[in-house]
Every structure is written in C-alpha cells, then in structure tokens.
PDB file of N, CA and C in Angstrom:
ATOM      1  N   MET A   1       9.570 168.194  93.166  1.00  0.00           N
ATOM      2  CA  MET A   1       9.659 169.593  92.837  1.00  0.00           C
ATOM      3  C   MET A   1      11.051 169.945  92.331  1.00  0.00           C
ATOM      4  N   VAL A   2      12.068 169.282  92.896  1.00  0.00           N
ATOM      5  CA  VAL A   2      13.432 169.527  92.457  1.00  0.00           C
ATOM      6  C   VAL A   2      13.588 169.117  91.000  1.00  0.00           C
ATOM      7  N   LEU A   3      12.916 168.011  90.624  1.00  0.00           N
ATOM      8  CA  LEU A   3      12.973 167.550  89.235  1.00  0.00           C
ATOM      9  C   LEU A   3      12.401 168.599  88.294  1.00  0.00           C
ATOM     10  N   LEU A   4      11.291 169.219  88.685  1.00  0.00           N
ATOM     11  CA  LEU A   4      10.689 170.246  87.835  1.00  0.00           C
ATOM     12  C   LEU A   4      11.589 171.472  87.722  1.00  0.00           C
ATOM     13  N   CYS A   5      12.288 171.829  88.798  1.00  0.00           N
ATOM     14  CA  CYS A   5      13.214 172.963  88.731  1.00  0.00           C
ATOM     15  C   CYS A   5      14.367 172.656  87.785  1.00  0.00           C
ATOM     16  N   ARG A   6      14.921 171.440  87.858  1.00  0.00           N
ATOM     17  CA  ARG A   6      16.005 171.059  86.953  1.00  0.00           C
ATOM     18  C   ARG A   6      15.516 171.032  85.508  1.00  0.00           C
ATOM     19  N   LEU A   7      14.297 170.530  85.305  1.00  0.00           N
ATOM     20  CA  LEU A   7      13.758 170.471  83.954  1.00  0.00           C
ATOM     21  C   LEU A   7      13.496 171.864  83.397  1.00  0.00           C
ATOM     22  N   SER A   8      13.073 172.793  84.250  1.00  0.00           N
ATOM     23  CA  SER A   8      12.819 174.146  83.761  1.00  0.00           C
ATOM     24  C   SER A   8      14.126 174.846  83.388  1.00  0.00           C
ATOM     25  N   VAL A   9      15.220 174.519  84.062  1.00  0.00           N
ATOM     26  CA  VAL A   9      16.526 175.066  83.677  1.00  0.00           C
ATOM     27  C   VAL A   9      16.943 174.504  82.326  1.00  0.00           C
ATOM     28  N   LEU A  10      16.691 173.206  82.117  1.00  0.00           N
ATOM     29  CA  LEU A  10      17.074 172.585  80.858  1.00  0.00           C
ATOM     30  C   LEU A  10      16.257 173.081  79.678  1.00  0.00           C
ATOM     31  N   CYS A  11      15.050 173.545  79.919  1.00  0.00           N
ATOM     32  CA  CYS A  11      14.210 173.974  78.800  1.00  0.00           C
ATOM     33  C   CYS A  11      14.699 175.279  78.194  1.00  0.00           C
ATOM     34  N   ASN A  12      15.675 175.915  78.812  1.00  0.00           N
ATOM     35  CA  ASN A  12      16.249 177.134  78.252  1.00  0.00           C
ATOM     36  C   ASN A  12      17.444 176.856  77.358  1.00  0.00           C
ATOM     37  N   ALA A  13      17.707 175.583  77.019  1.00  0.00           N
ATOM     38  CA  ALA A  13      18.807 175.247  76.114  1.00  0.00           C
ATOM     39  C   ALA A  13      18.558 175.916  74.766  1.00  0.00           C
ATOM     40  N   GLN A  14      19.597 176.476  74.176  1.00  0.00           N
ATOM     41  CA  GLN A  14      19.453 177.289  72.978  1.00  0.00           C
ATOM     42  C   GLN A  14      19.886 176.567  71.708  1.00  0.00           C
ATOM     43  N   GLY A  15      19.559 175.324  71.528  1.00  0.00           N
ATOM     44  CA  GLY A  15      19.839 174.611  70.297  1.00  0.00           C
ATOM     45  C   GLY A  15      21.304 174.613  69.923  1.00  0.00           C
ATOM     46  N   GLY A  16      21.684 175.273  68.825  1.00  0.00           N
ATOM     47  CA  GLY A  16      23.038 175.264  68.309  1.00  0.00           C
ATOM     48  C   GLY A  16      24.028 176.002  69.194  1.00  0.00           C
ATOM     49  N   ARG A  17      23.589 176.980  69.970  1.00  0.00           N
ATOM     50  CA  ARG A  17      24.506 177.734  70.815  1.00  0.00           C
ATOM     51  C   ARG A  17      24.885 176.974  72.070  1.00  0.00           C
ATOM     52  N   ALA A  18      24.039 176.065  72.527  1.00  0.00           N
ATOM     53  CA  ALA A  18      24.352 175.273  73.708  1.00  0.00           C
ATOM     54  C   ALA A  18      25.146 174.051  73.276  1.00  0.00           C
ATOM     55  N   GLY A  19      25.854 173.458  74.199  1.00  0.00           N
ATOM     56  CA  GLY A  19      26.616 172.263  73.882  1.00  0.00           C
ATOM     57  C   GLY A  19      25.700 171.102  73.574  1.00  0.00           C
ATOM     58  N   SER A  20      26.279 170.086  72.939  1.00  0.00           N
ATOM     59  CA  SER A  20      25.465 168.926  72.592  1.00  0.00           C
ATOM     60  C   SER A  20      24.984 168.204  73.845  1.00  0.00           C
ATOM     61  N   LYS A  21      25.717 168.330  74.939  1.00  0.00           N
ATOM     62  CA  LYS A  21      25.306 167.718  76.206  1.00  0.00           C
ATOM     63  C   LYS A  21      24.009 168.350  76.703  1.00  0.00           C
ATOM     64  N   ALA A  22      23.903 169.674  76.630  1.00  0.00           N
ATOM     65  CA  ALA A  22      22.695 170.370  77.074  1.00  0.00           C
ATOM     66  C   ALA A  22      21.510 170.011  76.187  1.00  0.00           C
ATOM     67  N   ALA A  23      21.738 169.918  74.890  1.00  0.00           N
ATOM     68  CA  ALA A  23      20.651 169.557  73.976  1.00  0.00           C
ATOM     69  C   ALA A  23      20.193 168.128  74.222  1.00  0.00           C
ATOM     70  N   SER A  24      21.141 167.253  74.498  1.00  0.00           N
ATOM     71  CA  SER A  24      20.810 165.864  74.778  1.00  0.00           C
ATOM     72  C   SER A  24      20.018 165.744  76.080  1.00  0.00           C
ATOM     73  N   LEU A  25      20.423 166.503  77.097  1.00  0.00           N
ATOM     74  CA  LEU A  25      19.690 166.492  78.368  1.00  0.00           C
ATOM     75  C   LEU A  25      18.292 167.069  78.204  1.00  0.00           C
ATOM     76  N   HIS A  26      18.177 168.101  77.373  1.00  0.00           N
ATOM     77  CA  HIS A  26      16.868 168.700  77.115  1.00  0.00           C
ATOM     78  C   HIS A  26      15.941 167.681  76.438  1.00  0.00           C
ATOM     79  N   TRP A  27      16.457 166.991  75.437  1.00  0.00           N
ATOM     80  CA  TRP A  27      15.657 165.999  74.730  1.00  0.00           C
ATOM     81  C   TRP A  27      15.266 164.867  75.672  1.00  0.00           C
ATOM     82  N   THR A  28      16.201 164.406  76.487  1.00  0.00           N
ATOM     83  CA  THR A  28      15.921 163.333  77.436  1.00  0.00           C
ATOM     84  C   THR A  28      14.887 163.769  78.464  1.00  0.00           C
ATOM     85  N   SER A  29      14.992 164.993  78.963  1.00  0.00           N
ATOM     86  CA  SER A  29      14.025 165.456  79.954  1.00  0.00           C
ATOM     87  C   SER A  29      12.640 165.620  79.344  1.00  0.00           C
ATOM     88  N   GLU A  30      12.562 166.002  78.082  1.00  0.00           N
ATOM     89  CA  GLU A  30      11.254 166.049  77.419  1.00  0.00           C
ATOM     90  C   GLU A  30      10.622 164.665  77.360  1.00  0.00           C
ATOM     91  N   ARG A  31      11.417 163.668  77.037  1.00  0.00           N
ATOM     92  CA  ARG A  31      10.903 162.294  76.958  1.00  0.00           C
ATOM     93  C   ARG A  31      10.478 161.787  78.331  1.00  0.00           C
ATOM     94  N   VAL A  32      11.235 162.134  79.376  1.00  0.00           N
ATOM     95  CA  VAL A  32      10.885 161.726  80.738  1.00  0.00           C
ATOM     96  C   VAL A  32       9.539 162.335  81.128  1.00  0.00           C
ATOM     97  N   VAL A  33       9.345 163.603  80.825  1.00  0.00           N
ATOM     98  CA  VAL A  33       8.075 164.257  81.153  1.00  0.00           C
ATOM     99  C   VAL A  33       6.934 163.630  80.359  1.00  0.00           C
ATOM    100  N   ASN A  34       7.152 163.295  79.100  1.00  0.00           N
ATOM    101  CA  ASN A  34       6.102 162.659  78.297  1.00  0.00           C
ATOM    102  C   ASN A  34       5.712 161.302  78.857  1.00  0.00           C
ATOM    103  N   VAL A  35       6.700 160.500  79.245  1.00  0.00           N
ATOM    104  CA  VAL A  35       6.394 159.187  79.829  1.00  0.00           C
ATOM    105  C   VAL A  35       5.721 159.359  81.184  1.00  0.00           C
ATOM    106  N   TRP A  36       6.181 160.335  81.954  1.00  0.00           N
ATOM    107  CA  TRP A  36       5.577 160.613  83.247  1.00  0.00           C
ATOM    108  C   TRP A  36       4.112 161.025  83.064  1.00  0.00           C
ATOM    109  N   LEU A  37       3.838 161.806  82.044  1.00  0.00           N
ATOM    110  CA  LEU A  37       2.480 162.245  81.755  1.00  0.00           C
ATOM    111  C   LEU A  37       1.587 161.067  81.357  1.00  0.00           C
ATOM    112  N   LEU A  38       2.149 160.125  80.588  1.00  0.00           N
ATOM    113  CA  LEU A  38       1.377 158.938  80.209  1.00  0.00           C
ATOM    114  C   LEU A  38       0.945 158.120  81.418  1.00  0.00           C
ATOM    115  N   GLY A  39       1.775 158.049  82.430  1.00  0.00           N
ATOM    116  CA  GLY A  39       1.407 157.333  83.644  1.00  0.00           C
ATOM    117  C   GLY A  39       0.551 158.156  84.577  1.00  0.00           C
ATOM    118  N   LEU A  40       0.741 159.470  84.551  1.00  0.00           N
ATOM    119  CA  LEU A  40       0.022 160.348  85.464  1.00  0.00           C
ATOM    120  C   LEU A  40      -1.451 160.501  85.096  1.00  0.00           C
ATOM    121  N   LEU A  41      -1.771 160.494  83.824  1.00  0.00           N
ATOM    122  CA  LEU A  41      -3.172 160.684  83.411  1.00  0.00           C
ATOM    123  C   LEU A  41      -4.097 159.579  83.914  1.00  0.00           C
ATOM    124  N   PRO A  42      -3.777 158.279  83.708  1.00  0.00           N
ATOM    125  CA  PRO A  42      -4.659 157.250  84.265  1.00  0.00           C
ATOM    126  C   PRO A  42      -4.648 157.231  85.792  1.00  0.00           C
ATOM    127  N   ALA A  43      -3.491 157.505  86.383  1.00  0.00           N
ATOM    128  CA  ALA A  43      -3.414 157.526  87.846  1.00  0.00           C
ATOM    129  C   ALA A  43      -4.285 158.641  88.411  1.00  0.00           C
ATOM    130  N   ALA A  44      -4.298 159.785  87.755  1.00  0.00           N
ATOM    131  CA  ALA A  44      -5.128 160.903  88.206  1.00  0.00           C
ATOM    132  C   ALA A  44      -6.609 160.594  88.050  1.00  0.00           C
ATOM    133  N   TYR A  45      -6.962 159.857  87.019  1.00  0.00           N
ATOM    134  CA  TYR A  45      -8.373 159.490  86.834  1.00  0.00           C
ATOM    135  C   TYR A  45      -8.814 158.477  87.884  1.00  0.00           C
ATOM    136  N   LEU A  46      -7.940 157.532  88.187  1.00  0.00           N
ATOM    137  CA  LEU A  46      -8.288 156.487  89.153  1.00  0.00           C
ATOM    138  C   LEU A  46      -8.217 156.973  90.592  1.00  0.00           C
ATOM    139  N   ASN A  47      -7.342 157.921  90.888  1.00  0.00           N
ATOM    140  CA  ASN A  47      -7.158 158.398  92.250  1.00  0.00           C
ATOM    141  C   ASN A  47      -7.127 159.926  92.269  1.00  0.00           C
ATOM    142  N   PRO A  48      -8.279 160.578  92.122  1.00  0.00           N
ATOM    143  CA  PRO A  48      -8.273 162.047  92.112  1.00  0.00           C
ATOM    144  C   PRO A  48      -7.995 162.593  93.518  1.00  0.00           C
ATOM    145  N   CYS A  49      -6.933 163.347  93.642  1.00  0.00           N
ATOM    146  CA  CYS A  49      -6.583 163.982  94.914  1.00  0.00           C
ATOM    147  C   CYS A  49      -5.796 165.254  94.616  1.00  0.00           C
ATOM    148  N   SER A  50      -5.505 166.021  95.646  1.00  0.00           N
ATOM    149  CA  SER A  50      -4.836 167.302  95.437  1.00  0.00           C
ATOM    150  C   SER A  50      -3.406 167.130  94.918  1.00  0.00           C
ATOM    151  N   VAL A  51      -2.726 166.049  95.300  1.00  0.00           N
ATOM    152  CA  VAL A  51      -1.368 165.805  94.798  1.00  0.00           C
ATOM    153  C   VAL A  51      -1.407 165.567  93.291  1.00  0.00           C
ATOM    154  N   MET A  52      -2.364 164.783  92.838  1.00  0.00           N
ATOM    155  CA  MET A  52      -2.506 164.527  91.401  1.00  0.00           C
ATOM    156  C   MET A  52      -2.885 165.797  90.655  1.00  0.00           C
ATOM    157  N   ASP A  53      -3.755 166.603  91.254  1.00  0.00           N
ATOM    158  CA  ASP A  53      -4.155 167.856  90.608  1.00  0.00           C
ATOM    159  C   ASP A  53      -2.962 168.791  90.413  1.00  0.00           C
ATOM    160  N   CYS A  54      -2.161 168.940  91.455  1.00  0.00           N
ATOM    161  CA  CYS A  54      -0.981 169.817  91.356  1.00  0.00           C
ATOM    162  C   CYS A  54       0.056 169.245  90.398  1.00  0.00           C
ATOM    163  N   SER A  55       0.230 167.930  90.425  1.00  0.00           N
ATOM    164  CA  SER A  55       1.180 167.298  89.504  1.00  0.00           C
ATOM    165  C   SER A  55       0.741 167.494  88.061  1.00  0.00           C
ATOM    166  N   LEU A  56      -0.536 167.315  87.803  1.00  0.00           N
ATOM    167  CA  LEU A  56      -1.048 167.528  86.444  1.00  0.00           C
ATOM    168  C   LEU A  56      -0.872 168.974  86.000  1.00  0.00           C
ATOM    169  N   ALA A  57      -1.148 169.913  86.889  1.00  0.00           N
ATOM    170  CA  ALA A  57      -0.990 171.325  86.540  1.00  0.00           C
ATOM    171  C   ALA A  57       0.458 171.626  86.165  1.00  0.00           C
ATOM    172  N   ALA A  58       1.407 171.123  86.940  1.00  0.00           N
ATOM    173  CA  ALA A  58       2.825 171.390  86.676  1.00  0.00           C
ATOM    174  C   ALA A  58       3.307 170.700  85.406  1.00  0.00           C
ATOM    175  N   VAL A  59       2.975 169.426  85.254  1.00  0.00           N
ATOM    176  CA  VAL A  59       3.483 168.658  84.112  1.00  0.00           C
ATOM    177  C   VAL A  59       2.833 169.124  82.810  1.00  0.00           C
ATOM    178  N   LEU A  60       1.560 169.404  82.808  1.00  0.00           N
ATOM    179  CA  LEU A  60       0.901 169.885  81.596  1.00  0.00           C
ATOM    180  C   LEU A  60       1.425 171.256  81.173  1.00  0.00           C
ATOM    181  N   THR A  61       1.704 172.123  82.139  1.00  0.00           N
ATOM    182  CA  THR A  61       2.249 173.441  81.815  1.00  0.00           C
ATOM    183  C   THR A  61       3.664 173.312  81.259  1.00  0.00           C
ATOM    184  N   LEU A  62       4.488 172.468  81.863  1.00  0.00           N
ATOM    185  CA  LEU A  62       5.845 172.259  81.364  1.00  0.00           C
ATOM    186  C   LEU A  62       5.838 171.630  79.976  1.00  0.00           C
ATOM    187  N   HIS A  63       4.972 170.661  79.769  1.00  0.00           N
ATOM    188  CA  HIS A  63       4.844 170.012  78.459  1.00  0.00           C
ATOM    189  C   HIS A  63       4.412 171.031  77.396  1.00  0.00           C
ATOM    190  N   SER A  64       3.461 171.874  77.736  1.00  0.00           N
ATOM    191  CA  SER A  64       2.997 172.902  76.803  1.00  0.00           C
ATOM    192  C   SER A  64       4.088 173.927  76.522  1.00  0.00           C
ATOM    193  N   HIS A  65       4.882 174.252  77.531  1.00  0.00           N
ATOM    194  CA  HIS A  65       5.969 175.212  77.350  1.00  0.00           C
ATOM    195  C   HIS A  65       6.948 174.708  76.297  1.00  0.00           C
ATOM    196  N   TRP A  66       7.333 173.451  76.379  1.00  0.00           N
ATOM    197  CA  TRP A  66       8.287 172.910  75.421  1.00  0.00           C
ATOM    198  C   TRP A  66       7.698 172.828  74.026  1.00  0.00           C
ATOM    199  N   ASP A  67       6.471 172.331  73.917  1.00  0.00           N
ATOM    200  CA  ASP A  67       5.873 172.153  72.596  1.00  0.00           C
ATOM    201  C   ASP A  67       5.556 173.490  71.926  1.00  0.00           C
ATOM    202  N   LEU A  68       4.938 174.402  72.651  1.00  0.00           N
ATOM    203  CA  LEU A  68       4.602 175.693  72.052  1.00  0.00           C
ATOM    204  C   LEU A  68       5.838 176.553  71.831  1.00  0.00           C
ATOM    205  N   GLY A  69       6.875 176.353  72.642  1.00  0.00           N
ATOM    206  CA  GLY A  69       8.133 177.048  72.414  1.00  0.00           C
ATOM    207  C   GLY A  69       8.756 176.656  71.087  1.00  0.00           C
ATOM    208  N   GLN A  70       8.623 175.385  70.730  1.00  0.00           N
ATOM    209  CA  GLN A  70       9.134 174.937  69.430  1.00  0.00           C
ATOM    210  C   GLN A  70       8.320 175.531  68.287  1.00  0.00           C
ATOM    211  N   VAL A  71       7.036 175.688  68.471  1.00  0.00           N
ATOM    212  CA  VAL A  71       6.203 176.312  67.441  1.00  0.00           C
ATOM    213  C   VAL A  71       6.643 177.760  67.225  1.00  0.00           C
ATOM    214  N   VAL A  72       6.898 178.481  68.318  1.00  0.00           N
ATOM    215  CA  VAL A  72       7.364 179.863  68.211  1.00  0.00           C
ATOM    216  C   VAL A  72       8.715 179.906  67.499  1.00  0.00           C
ATOM    217  N   THR A  73       9.622 179.015  67.878  1.00  0.00           N
ATOM    218  CA  THR A  73      10.950 178.991  67.267  1.00  0.00           C
ATOM    219  C   THR A  73      10.879 178.696  65.772  1.00  0.00           C
ATOM    220  N   ASP A  74       9.996 177.791  65.382  1.00  0.00           N
ATOM    221  CA  ASP A  74       9.912 177.377  63.988  1.00  0.00           C
ATOM    222  C   ASP A  74       9.160 178.359  63.097  1.00  0.00           C
ATOM    223  N   TYR A  75       8.123 179.003  63.612  1.00  0.00           N
ATOM    224  CA  TYR A  75       7.223 179.754  62.744  1.00  0.00           C
ATOM    225  C   TYR A  75       7.223 181.266  62.941  1.00  0.00           C
ATOM    226  N   VAL A  76       7.883 181.773  63.958  1.00  0.00           N
ATOM    227  CA  VAL A  76       7.957 183.222  64.150  1.00  0.00           C
ATOM    228  C   VAL A  76       9.337 183.669  63.705  1.00  0.00           C
ATOM    229  N   HIS A  77       9.386 184.599  62.759  1.00  0.00           N
ATOM    230  CA  HIS A  77      10.652 185.030  62.182  1.00  0.00           C
ATOM    231  C   HIS A  77      11.001 186.438  62.647  1.00  0.00           C
ATOM    232  N   GLY A  78      12.294 186.696  62.781  1.00  0.00           N
ATOM    233  CA  GLY A  78      12.770 187.993  63.246  1.00  0.00           C
ATOM    234  C   GLY A  78      13.056 187.949  64.736  1.00  0.00           C
ATOM    235  N   ASP A  79      14.153 188.580  65.137  1.00  0.00           N
ATOM    236  CA  ASP A  79      14.552 188.543  66.547  1.00  0.00           C
ATOM    237  C   ASP A  79      13.538 189.222  67.460  1.00  0.00           C
ATOM    238  N   ALA A  80      13.099 190.401  67.079  1.00  0.00           N
ATOM    239  CA  ALA A  80      12.164 191.138  67.937  1.00  0.00           C
ATOM    240  C   ALA A  80      10.825 190.410  68.041  1.00  0.00           C
ATOM    241  N   SER A  81      10.342 189.898  66.924  1.00  0.00           N
ATOM    242  CA  SER A  81       9.068 189.172  66.927  1.00  0.00           C
ATOM    243  C   SER A  81       9.174 187.899  67.749  1.00  0.00           C
ATOM    244  N   GLN A  82      10.300 187.204  67.615  1.00  0.00           N
ATOM    245  CA  GLN A  82      10.473 185.958  68.343  1.00  0.00           C
ATOM    246  C   GLN A  82      10.586 186.205  69.851  1.00  0.00           C
ATOM    247  N   LYS A  83      11.292 187.264  70.233  1.00  0.00           N
ATOM    248  CA  LYS A  83      11.396 187.590  71.663  1.00  0.00           C
ATOM    249  C   LYS A  83      10.031 187.972  72.231  1.00  0.00           C
ATOM    250  N   ALA A  84       9.257 188.738  71.470  1.00  0.00           N
ATOM    251  CA  ALA A  84       7.926 189.129  71.927  1.00  0.00           C
ATOM    252  C   ALA A  84       7.004 187.915  72.025  1.00  0.00           C
ATOM    253  N   ALA A  85       7.091 187.015  71.041  1.00  0.00           N
ATOM    254  CA  ALA A  85       6.255 185.817  71.069  1.00  0.00           C
ATOM    255  C   ALA A  85       6.635 184.908  72.230  1.00  0.00           C
ATOM    256  N   LYS A  86       7.923 184.771  72.496  1.00  0.00           N
ATOM    257  CA  LYS A  86       8.357 183.939  73.626  1.00  0.00           C
ATOM    258  C   LYS A  86       7.940 184.551  74.954  1.00  0.00           C
ATOM    259  N   ALA A  87       8.021 185.876  75.069  1.00  0.00           N
ATOM    260  CA  ALA A  87       7.581 186.545  76.293  1.00  0.00           C
ATOM    261  C   ALA A  87       6.073 186.382  76.486  1.00  0.00           C
ATOM    262  N   GLY A  88       5.314 186.525  75.405  1.00  0.00           N
ATOM    263  CA  GLY A  88       3.874 186.322  75.482  1.00  0.00           C
ATOM    264  C   GLY A  88       3.514 184.899  75.836  1.00  0.00           C
ATOM    265  N   LEU A  89       4.237 183.954  75.262  1.00  0.00           N
ATOM    266  CA  LEU A  89       3.997 182.548  75.576  1.00  0.00           C
ATOM    267  C   LEU A  89       4.302 182.251  77.032  1.00  0.00           C
ATOM    268  N   LEU A  90       5.409 182.790  77.533  1.00  0.00           N
ATOM    269  CA  LEU A  90       5.766 182.583  78.930  1.00  0.00           C
ATOM    270  C   LEU A  90       4.712 183.185  79.858  1.00  0.00           C
ATOM    271  N   ALA A  91       4.210 184.372  79.516  1.00  0.00           N
ATOM    272  CA  ALA A  91       3.161 184.999  80.316  1.00  0.00           C
ATOM    273  C   ALA A  91       1.880 184.168  80.281  1.00  0.00           C
ATOM    274  N   LEU A  92       1.533 183.656  79.101  1.00  0.00           N
ATOM    275  CA  LEU A  92       0.338 182.824  78.972  1.00  0.00           C
ATOM    276  C   LEU A  92       0.455 181.537  79.792  1.00  0.00           C
ATOM    277  N   LEU A  93       1.623 180.906  79.752  1.00  0.00           N
ATOM    278  CA  LEU A  93       1.813 179.674  80.506  1.00  0.00           C
ATOM    279  C   LEU A  93       1.870 179.925  82.007  1.00  0.00           C
ATOM    280  N   ASP A  94       2.436 181.052  82.422  1.00  0.00           N
ATOM    281  CA  ASP A  94       2.406 181.410  83.844  1.00  0.00           C
ATOM    282  C   ASP A  94       0.976 181.618  84.320  1.00  0.00           C
ATOM    283  N   LEU A  95       0.200 182.316  83.517  1.00  0.00           N
ATOM    284  CA  LEU A  95      -1.208 182.537  83.851  1.00  0.00           C
ATOM    285  C   LEU A  95      -1.976 181.218  83.877  1.00  0.00           C
ATOM    286  N   THR A  96      -1.685 180.329  82.931  1.00  0.00           N
ATOM    287  CA  THR A  96      -2.344 179.023  82.890  1.00  0.00           C
ATOM    288  C   THR A  96      -2.041 178.225  84.141  1.00  0.00           C
ATOM    289  N   PHE A  97      -0.763 178.176  84.539  1.00  0.00           N
ATOM    290  CA  PHE A  97      -0.392 177.439  85.739  1.00  0.00           C
ATOM    291  C   PHE A  97      -1.051 178.042  86.975  1.00  0.00           C
ATOM    292  N   ALA A  98      -1.063 179.368  87.064  1.00  0.00           N
ATOM    293  CA  ALA A  98      -1.687 180.032  88.212  1.00  0.00           C
ATOM    294  C   ALA A  98      -3.191 179.734  88.272  1.00  0.00           C
ATOM    295  N   ARG A  99      -3.852 179.757  87.122  1.00  0.00           N
ATOM    296  CA  ARG A  99      -5.296 179.485  87.102  1.00  0.00           C
ATOM    297  C   ARG A  99      -5.595 178.024  87.431  1.00  0.00           C
ATOM    298  N   LEU A 100      -4.753 177.107  86.951  1.00  0.00           N
ATOM    299  CA  LEU A 100      -4.944 175.699  87.298  1.00  0.00           C
ATOM    300  C   LEU A 100      -4.758 175.474  88.796  1.00  0.00           C
ATOM    301  N   CYS A 101      -3.770 176.116  89.383  1.00  0.00           N
ATOM    302  CA  CYS A 101      -3.570 175.995  90.834  1.00  0.00           C
ATOM    303  C   CYS A 101      -4.744 176.605  91.592  1.00  0.00           C
ATOM    304  N   TYR A 102      -5.217 177.743  91.129  1.00  0.00           N
ATOM    305  CA  TYR A 102      -6.392 178.366  91.756  1.00  0.00           C
ATOM    306  C   TYR A 102      -7.606 177.435  91.658  1.00  0.00           C
ATOM    307  N   PHE A 103      -7.796 176.838  90.486  1.00  0.00           N
ATOM    308  CA  PHE A 103      -8.912 175.911  90.292  1.00  0.00           C
ATOM    309  C   PHE A 103      -8.775 174.690  91.202  1.00  0.00           C
ATOM    310  N   ASN A 104      -7.550 174.216  91.394  1.00  0.00           N
ATOM    311  CA  ASN A 104      -7.328 173.060  92.254  1.00  0.00           C
ATOM    312  C   ASN A 104      -7.645 173.365  93.710  1.00  0.00           C
ATOM    313  N   TYR A 105      -7.303 174.551  94.181  1.00  0.00           N
ATOM    314  CA  TYR A 105      -7.484 174.876  95.592  1.00  0.00           C
ATOM    315  C   TYR A 105      -8.858 175.433  95.929  1.00  0.00           C
ATOM    316  N   HIS A 106      -9.525 176.071  94.985  1.00  0.00           N
ATOM    317  CA  HIS A 106     -10.786 176.724  95.287  1.00  0.00           C
ATOM    318  C   HIS A 106     -11.999 176.086  94.611  1.00  0.00           C
ATOM    319  N   ASP A 107     -11.802 175.016  93.879  1.00  0.00           N
ATOM    320  CA  ASP A 107     -12.914 174.330  93.222  1.00  0.00           C
ATOM    321  C   ASP A 107     -12.672 172.831  93.343  1.00  0.00           C
ATOM    322  N   VAL A 108     -13.247 172.041  92.466  1.00  0.00           N
ATOM    323  CA  VAL A 108     -13.166 170.586  92.585  1.00  0.00           C
ATOM    324  C   VAL A 108     -11.815 170.019  92.177  1.00  0.00           C
ATOM    325  N   GLY A 109     -11.041 170.736  91.405  1.00  0.00           N
ATOM    326  CA  GLY A 109      -9.753 170.240  90.929  1.00  0.00           C
ATOM    327  C   GLY A 109      -9.856 169.701  89.517  1.00  0.00           C
ATOM    328  N   VAL A 110      -8.723 169.575  88.883  1.00  0.00           N
ATOM    329  CA  VAL A 110      -8.671 169.165  87.482  1.00  0.00           C
ATOM    330  C   VAL A 110      -9.189 167.743  87.306  1.00  0.00           C
ATOM    331  N   CYS A 111      -8.771 166.824  88.180  1.00  0.00           N
ATOM    332  CA  CYS A 111      -9.155 165.415  88.029  1.00  0.00           C
ATOM    333  C   CYS A 111     -10.659 165.215  88.114  1.00  0.00           C
ATOM    334  N   LYS A 112     -11.264 165.784  89.141  1.00  0.00           N
ATOM    335  CA  LYS A 112     -12.719 165.630  89.309  1.00  0.00           C
ATOM    336  C   LYS A 112     -13.491 166.377  88.231  1.00  0.00           C
ATOM    337  N   ALA A 113     -12.960 167.490  87.746  1.00  0.00           N
ATOM    338  CA  ALA A 113     -13.634 168.229  86.683  1.00  0.00           C
ATOM    339  C   ALA A 113     -13.647 167.427  85.393  1.00  0.00           C
ATOM    340  N   VAL A 114     -12.530 166.790  85.069  1.00  0.00           N
ATOM    341  CA  VAL A 114     -12.483 165.953  83.865  1.00  0.00           C
ATOM    342  C   VAL A 114     -13.395 164.739  84.021  1.00  0.00           C
ATOM    343  N   ALA A 115     -13.403 164.132  85.198  1.00  0.00           N
ATOM    344  CA  ALA A 115     -14.283 162.987  85.448  1.00  0.00           C
ATOM    345  C   ALA A 115     -15.752 163.396  85.339  1.00  0.00           C
ATOM    346  N   THR A 116     -16.091 164.573  85.816  1.00  0.00           N
ATOM    347  CA  THR A 116     -17.464 165.060  85.716  1.00  0.00           C
ATOM    348  C   THR A 116     -17.851 165.311  84.260  1.00  0.00           C
ATOM    349  N   LEU A 117     -16.957 165.914  83.503  1.00  0.00           N
ATOM    350  CA  LEU A 117     -17.240 166.140  82.084  1.00  0.00           C
ATOM    351  C   LEU A 117     -17.350 164.826  81.329  1.00  0.00           C
ATOM    352  N   TRP A 118     -16.563 163.840  81.712  1.00  0.00           N
ATOM    353  CA  TRP A 118     -16.590 162.562  81.034  1.00  0.00           C
ATOM    354  C   TRP A 118     -17.922 161.832  81.286  1.00  0.00           C
ATOM    355  N   LYS A 119     -18.528 162.037  82.458  1.00  0.00           N
ATOM    356  CA  LYS A 119     -19.807 161.396  82.797  1.00  0.00           C
ATOM    357  C   LYS A 119     -20.955 161.970  81.981  1.00  0.00           C
ATOM    358  N   LEU A 120     -20.796 163.213  81.497  1.00  0.00           N
ATOM    359  CA  LEU A 120     -21.871 163.828  80.715  1.00  0.00           C
ATOM    360  C   LEU A 120     -21.977 163.095  79.430  1.00  0.00           C
TER     361      LEU A 120
END
C-alpha cells in the first residue's frame, strides 16, 4: 500500500515544470506498475482471492489514471478545459475504484467474474 501511495504522489509530476529527477521517477514507476500488472494478471487467474481482487482494482485504476491522463494532456486544449477534463477523469477513476472495491466485497470479485466470462 505504501508503494501505491508513493506512486500516486509521483503521478502528479508536471512534465517540464518538474525536475528531470521527478520525471524520471514517474517514468520508472509507470514501468514498474506495467511489469507488476503483467505478473498480476496470470497470478489472479490462477489464484483468485480477495487480495488479488483488491490488487487488481488498485493497479488497474492507477494504470488507467496515467494513460488517460496523458490523453487529456495531449488532446484537450486550453487551461480551463484541461483542468475540467482532469477533474472529470479523476472523479471517473475514483468512482471506478470504488465500484471495483464494492464488487470485490459484495459479489464474486473481479478474478472470478473474468473467469466466469471466459468459460462462456
């Protein structure tokens, strides 16, 4: 959990305004999360449990935050529009994480749901 908190602080690096050290750490943490996700997906399929469900919810939301944040930065122009788009994206990702956690605790969980869909 501490790793996710550190990574969420790094995801607020502001490109040219932040030092090259912060940008380098941000890029490195993105790669760490991507590699972690590559190992987590097969592990979650082979061993579906609540720890894997929560880990998937956190890592997928963080991964989406970084990727969709870059889309907003690249394709939304104007300061006011960009701030509104980033706020909307943050709200959407917060809601996504909350719904995934709710699904994990009150239903079968992400791992078993994907396995069930795969059997169809």
